[in-house]
Amino acid sequence: MSNTTEALGKFFERLTARLAGKQRQGEQTFRQLAAEIADNTRSVKEDQIEQVLAANGKTIQDLQSAVELVLKRRELAGRLKAGEVVPAKRAELAKTKADAEARFLAAQEKFRQEVAPLGPRVQELNALERAADQARGVLFETAPRELHEEMERLRAELRKIAERRSVLGGQLKELRAQAEVETVGYFSRQPERVSLVREYPSPAAPMQPYAEQTGPEAIRAAEAAVEKLVDERRKPIDLQLAELAETEARLQREAEALEAKMLVP
C-alpha cells in the first residue's frame, strides 16, 4: 500500500511539473505573440493568434492588454535609457558653470586690482577741481571794475534776447489760434463722430465750405489750410527769431572771451 501511495505521489509530481512547464511555456508564447503584434500586426497570422489564445485560455481583451503593456514598457525603457546620460551631462554642466565662475572671479579680481589705485587719483582730481573753481571765483570777483561792467552789459543784453524770444513764442501760439478761428472756427472731434463745426462765423474765412462738411477728409483739408495760413504769417517772426539767435551767439562768444580775460592774473 505504501509503495502504491509513493508511486502515485511521484506520478502527480511529474504531472504537476509537466503542466507547470507547459503553463510557463504557454505564457512565454503568449508574451512573445504580444511582442510580435506590437512590432508589426501584419507579421502575425490570425489562426496563430487563435491557437495561442485557446492554448492559454486567454481572450482578445487579454491579448490587447498584453500588447498595450509591451508598448508601455518599451516607452518606459526608452525613458530609462535616456535618463542614463543625465549624470554625465549634469557633471559636464557643473564643470562648465564652475569654469565660468572661476573666470568671472578672476576678472572681478583683476578689475578690483586695476581700479583700487584709481581711488586716490580721483580724490586728487576732485581736490584740484575744487581748488580751480575757488580760484576762478576769486579771480572773477577781483577782476577790474570795467570788466565787470562790460560783463553785466552783455548779460543784460542776453536777458533781453531771452525775454524777446519768449514774447515771439507767445505770438506764434496766438497766430495759430487765430488762424484756426479764421479758417474753420474750431475742430470738434468726438469718439462717436468726427466733424468740423464753425463756431465763430467769419465772412472772410477762406475755408468756410469745409465747416459744413464732416469726416476725416474735411478735417485734413481744414488742417492743411490752417498750416498754410500759419506758414505765411510766421515768416516775420521766424526772421526775428533767427536774428535773435545770431545776436545771442555773438554775445555769448563775447561773454566767454571777456570771462577768460577776467581770469587772467
Protein backbone atom coordinates (compact mmCIF):
# COMPACT_ATOMS: atom_id res chain seq x y z
CA MET A 1 0.00 0.00 0.00
CA SER A 2 2.82 2.38 0.81
CA ASN A 3 4.52 1.58 -2.48
CA THR A 4 1.34 2.40 -4.35
CA THR A 5 0.94 5.69 -2.48
CA GLU A 6 4.55 6.62 -3.14
CA ALA A 7 4.17 5.83 -6.83
CA LEU A 8 1.05 7.91 -7.10
CA GLY A 9 2.80 10.80 -5.35
CA LYS A 10 5.66 10.72 -7.83
CA PHE A 11 3.23 10.45 -10.71
CA PHE A 12 1.35 13.59 -9.67
CA GLU A 13 4.61 15.39 -9.01
CA ARG A 14 5.78 14.63 -12.54
CA LEU A 15 2.38 15.63 -13.89
CA THR A 16 2.39 18.87 -11.90
CA ALA A 17 5.89 19.71 -13.07
CA ARG A 18 4.94 18.91 -16.66
CA LEU A 19 1.81 21.05 -16.53
CA ALA A 20 3.73 23.90 -14.85
CA GLY A 21 6.34 23.72 -17.59
CA LYS A 22 3.68 23.83 -20.28
CA GLN A 23 1.99 26.71 -18.49
CA ARG A 24 5.24 28.67 -18.36
CA GLN A 25 5.90 27.87 -22.00
CA GLY A 26 2.35 28.92 -22.87
CA GLU A 27 2.74 32.21 -21.02
CA GLN A 28 6.06 32.81 -22.77
CA THR A 29 4.43 32.07 -26.12
CA PHE A 30 1.59 34.47 -25.26
CA ARG A 31 4.01 37.26 -24.31
CA GLN A 32 6.03 36.62 -27.47
CA LEU A 33 2.85 36.90 -29.51
CA ALA A 34 2.02 40.22 -27.84
CA ALA A 35 5.54 41.48 -28.62
CA GLU A 36 5.25 40.42 -32.28
CA ILE A 37 1.91 42.22 -32.60
CA ALA A 38 3.44 45.31 -31.01
CA ASP A 39 6.22 45.17 -33.60
CA ASN A 40 4.03 44.62 -36.63
CA THR A 41 0.42 43.48 -36.70
CA ARG A 42 0.79 42.16 -40.25
CA SER A 43 3.52 39.69 -39.27
CA VAL A 44 1.14 37.56 -37.17
CA LYS A 45 -1.49 35.31 -38.72
CA GLU A 46 -4.97 35.21 -37.22
CA ASP A 47 -5.06 31.41 -36.91
CA GLN A 48 -1.82 31.54 -34.94
CA ILE A 49 -3.42 34.08 -32.60
CA GLU A 50 -6.46 31.84 -32.14
CA GLN A 51 -4.27 28.85 -31.32
CA VAL A 52 -2.24 30.71 -28.72
CA LEU A 53 -5.32 32.21 -27.09
CA ALA A 54 -7.06 28.82 -26.96
CA ALA A 55 -3.99 27.02 -25.62
CA ASN A 56 -3.58 29.55 -22.82
CA GLY A 57 -7.22 30.24 -22.02
CA LYS A 58 -6.82 33.91 -22.97
CA THR A 59 -9.26 36.32 -24.58
CA ILE A 60 -8.86 39.07 -27.15
CA GLN A 61 -9.09 41.60 -24.32
CA ASP A 62 -6.24 39.79 -22.53
CA LEU A 63 -4.13 39.98 -25.70
CA GLN A 64 -4.93 43.68 -26.20
CA SER A 65 -3.93 44.43 -22.63
CA ALA A 66 -0.71 42.46 -23.08
CA VAL A 67 0.17 44.40 -26.27
CA GLU A 68 -0.52 47.71 -24.54
CA LEU A 69 1.69 46.63 -21.64
CA VAL A 70 4.50 45.78 -24.06
CA LEU A 71 4.24 49.19 -25.68
CA LYS A 72 4.10 50.91 -22.29
CA ARG A 73 7.15 49.05 -21.00
CA ARG A 74 9.07 49.88 -24.17
CA GLU A 75 8.23 53.55 -23.70
CA LEU A 76 9.36 53.42 -20.08
CA ALA A 77 12.54 51.60 -21.09
CA GLY A 78 13.24 54.38 -23.57
CA ARG A 79 12.84 56.97 -20.85
CA LEU A 80 15.12 54.95 -18.59
CA LYS A 81 17.73 54.75 -21.35
CA ALA A 82 17.52 58.49 -21.97
CA GLY A 83 17.98 59.14 -18.27
CA GLU A 84 21.26 57.20 -18.21
CA VAL A 85 23.09 60.20 -19.75
CA VAL A 86 21.84 62.61 -17.06
CA PRO A 87 24.68 62.10 -14.53
CA ALA A 88 27.37 62.66 -17.19
CA LYS A 89 25.56 65.66 -18.68
CA ARG A 90 24.94 67.11 -15.21
CA ALA A 91 28.63 66.76 -14.37
CA GLU A 92 29.52 68.43 -17.67
CA LEU A 93 27.20 71.36 -16.95
CA ALA A 94 28.55 71.66 -13.42
CA LYS A 95 32.10 71.84 -14.79
CA THR A 96 31.08 74.47 -17.35
CA LYS A 97 29.45 76.52 -14.61
CA ALA A 98 32.46 76.16 -12.32
CA ASP A 99 34.80 77.24 -15.13
CA ALA A 100 32.60 80.27 -15.88
CA GLU A 101 32.51 81.22 -12.19
CA ALA A 102 36.29 80.89 -11.98
CA ARG A 103 36.75 83.16 -14.99
CA PHE A 104 34.28 85.66 -13.54
CA LEU A 105 36.04 85.72 -10.17
CA ALA A 106 39.41 86.12 -11.88
CA ALA A 107 38.08 89.00 -13.99
CA GLN A 108 36.48 90.56 -10.90
CA GLU A 109 39.75 90.36 -9.00
CA LYS A 110 41.66 91.84 -11.94
CA PHE A 111 39.13 94.68 -12.13
CA ARG A 112 39.48 95.33 -8.39
CA GLN A 113 43.26 95.41 -8.63
CA GLU A 114 43.16 97.83 -11.57
CA VAL A 115 40.51 100.11 -10.10
CA ALA A 116 41.72 100.22 -6.50
CA PRO A 117 44.72 102.53 -7.25
CA LEU A 118 42.40 104.93 -9.08
CA GLY A 119 40.57 105.97 -5.92
CA PRO A 120 43.32 108.26 -4.59
CA ARG A 121 43.83 109.68 -8.08
CA VAL A 122 40.11 110.50 -8.37
CA GLN A 123 40.20 112.22 -4.99
CA GLU A 124 43.25 114.18 -6.08
CA LEU A 125 41.49 115.32 -9.26
CA ASN A 126 38.40 116.31 -7.27
CA ALA A 127 40.56 118.40 -4.96
CA LEU A 128 42.23 120.08 -7.95
CA GLU A 129 38.83 120.79 -9.46
CA ARG A 130 37.53 122.36 -6.25
CA ALA A 131 40.64 124.48 -5.96
CA ALA A 132 40.30 125.59 -9.59
CA ASP A 133 36.65 126.54 -9.03
CA GLN A 134 37.58 128.55 -5.98
CA ALA A 135 40.39 130.24 -7.89
CA ARG A 136 38.06 131.03 -10.77
CA GLY A 137 35.58 132.61 -8.39
CA VAL A 138 38.21 134.76 -6.69
CA LEU A 139 39.80 135.83 -9.99
CA PHE A 140 36.39 136.69 -11.38
CA GLU A 141 35.36 138.72 -8.34
CA THR A 142 38.67 140.60 -8.15
CA ALA A 143 38.79 141.47 -11.86
CA PRO A 144 38.85 145.20 -12.77
CA ARG A 145 35.57 147.05 -12.37
CA GLU A 146 35.31 147.98 -16.07
CA LEU A 147 35.37 144.28 -16.97
CA HIS A 148 32.52 143.58 -14.55
CA GLU A 149 30.55 146.45 -16.02
CA GLU A 150 31.06 145.07 -19.51
CA MET A 151 30.02 141.55 -18.35
CA GLU A 152 26.86 142.97 -16.78
CA ARG A 153 26.05 144.77 -20.01
CA LEU A 154 26.41 141.54 -22.00
CA ARG A 155 24.25 139.63 -19.51
CA ALA A 156 21.57 142.30 -19.70
CA GLU A 157 21.55 142.02 -23.48
CA LEU A 158 21.24 138.23 -23.22
CA ARG A 159 18.32 138.59 -20.79
CA LYS A 160 16.57 140.92 -23.23
CA ILE A 161 17.04 138.38 -26.01
CA ALA A 162 15.51 135.63 -23.84
CA GLU A 163 12.55 137.84 -22.99
CA ARG A 164 12.06 138.78 -26.65
CA ARG A 165 12.19 135.12 -27.67
CA SER A 166 9.51 134.31 -25.11
CA VAL A 167 7.29 137.08 -26.48
CA LEU A 168 7.74 135.84 -30.05
CA GLY A 169 6.91 132.30 -28.93
CA GLY A 170 3.65 133.56 -27.46
CA GLN A 171 2.90 135.37 -30.70
CA LEU A 172 3.36 132.11 -32.62
CA LYS A 173 0.82 130.38 -30.37
CA GLU A 174 -1.65 133.24 -30.78
CA LEU A 175 -1.05 133.19 -34.53
CA ARG A 176 -2.04 129.52 -34.77
CA ALA A 177 -5.14 130.02 -32.63
CA GLN A 178 -6.21 132.99 -34.75
CA ALA A 179 -5.55 131.02 -37.95
CA GLU A 180 -7.88 128.24 -36.77
CA VAL A 181 -10.61 130.76 -35.92
CA GLU A 182 -10.29 132.42 -39.32
CA THR A 183 -10.45 129.14 -41.23
CA VAL A 184 -12.98 126.84 -39.61
CA GLY A 185 -13.68 128.22 -36.17
CA TYR A 186 -12.69 125.13 -34.22
CA PHE A 187 -12.44 121.35 -34.64
CA SER A 188 -14.91 119.11 -32.89
CA ARG A 189 -13.53 115.57 -32.53
CA GLN A 190 -15.80 113.27 -30.59
CA PRO A 191 -15.47 109.48 -30.27
CA GLU A 192 -18.76 108.80 -32.00
CA ARG A 193 -18.37 111.47 -34.69
CA VAL A 194 -15.60 113.40 -36.39
CA SER A 195 -16.79 116.72 -37.65
CA LEU A 196 -15.91 120.33 -38.28
CA VAL A 197 -18.01 122.97 -36.59
CA ARG A 198 -17.78 126.67 -37.37
CA GLU A 199 -18.50 128.24 -34.02
CA TYR A 200 -17.44 131.77 -34.93
CA PRO A 201 -18.87 132.81 -38.32
CA SER A 202 -16.46 134.92 -40.32
CA PRO A 203 -17.35 136.33 -43.75
CA ALA A 204 -13.67 136.35 -44.66
CA ALA A 205 -12.98 132.78 -43.64
CA PRO A 206 -11.29 131.15 -46.67
CA MET A 207 -12.26 127.63 -45.56
CA GLN A 208 -15.94 128.17 -44.76
CA PRO A 209 -17.03 125.36 -47.14
CA TYR A 210 -15.13 122.84 -45.02
CA ALA A 211 -17.01 123.96 -41.95
CA GLU A 212 -20.18 122.46 -43.41
CA GLN A 213 -18.55 119.08 -44.11
CA THR A 214 -17.84 116.13 -41.89
CA GLY A 215 -15.36 113.28 -41.89
CA PRO A 216 -11.58 112.80 -41.92
CA GLU A 217 -11.12 114.36 -45.37
CA ALA A 218 -12.68 117.63 -44.22
CA ILE A 219 -10.53 117.58 -41.09
CA ARG A 220 -7.34 117.08 -43.11
CA ALA A 221 -8.28 119.78 -45.63
CA ALA A 222 -9.02 122.30 -42.90
CA GLU A 223 -5.84 121.48 -41.02
CA ALA A 224 -3.85 121.94 -44.22
CA ALA A 225 -5.46 125.36 -44.68
CA VAL A 226 -4.54 126.30 -41.11
CA GLU A 227 -0.92 125.23 -41.64
CA LYS A 228 -0.69 127.22 -44.86
CA LEU A 229 -2.01 130.35 -43.17
CA VAL A 230 0.34 129.87 -40.22
CA ASP A 231 3.35 129.41 -42.52
CA GLU A 232 2.52 132.62 -44.36
CA ARG A 233 2.12 134.71 -41.21
CA ARG A 234 5.00 133.33 -39.18
CA LYS A 235 7.75 134.35 -41.61
CA PRO A 236 8.38 137.77 -39.97
CA ILE A 237 8.51 136.11 -36.56
CA ASP A 238 10.90 133.44 -37.83
CA LEU A 239 13.17 136.16 -39.21
CA GLN A 240 13.21 137.90 -35.85
CA LEU A 241 13.96 134.60 -34.09
CA ALA A 242 16.84 133.95 -36.47
CA GLU A 243 18.26 137.41 -35.84
CA LEU A 244 17.93 136.88 -32.09
CA ALA A 245 19.75 133.54 -32.31
CA GLU A 246 22.59 135.14 -34.28
CA THR A 247 22.88 138.03 -31.84
CA GLU A 248 22.71 135.69 -28.86
CA ALA A 249 25.53 133.54 -30.24
CA ARG A 250 27.69 136.64 -30.78
CA LEU A 251 27.04 137.94 -27.28
CA GLN A 252 27.81 134.54 -25.74
CA ARG A 253 31.13 134.46 -27.58
CA GLU A 254 31.90 137.95 -26.30
CA ALA A 255 30.96 136.92 -22.78
CA GLU A 256 33.20 133.85 -22.92
CA ALA A 257 36.11 135.93 -24.21
CA LEU A 258 35.52 138.55 -21.51
CA GLU A 259 35.37 135.89 -18.78
CA ALA A 260 38.68 134.48 -19.98
CA LYS A 261 40.14 137.98 -19.80
CA MET A 262 38.81 138.41 -16.27
CA LEU A 263 40.60 135.24 -15.18
CA VAL A 264 44.00 136.45 -16.34
CA PRO A 265 46.21 137.44 -13.34
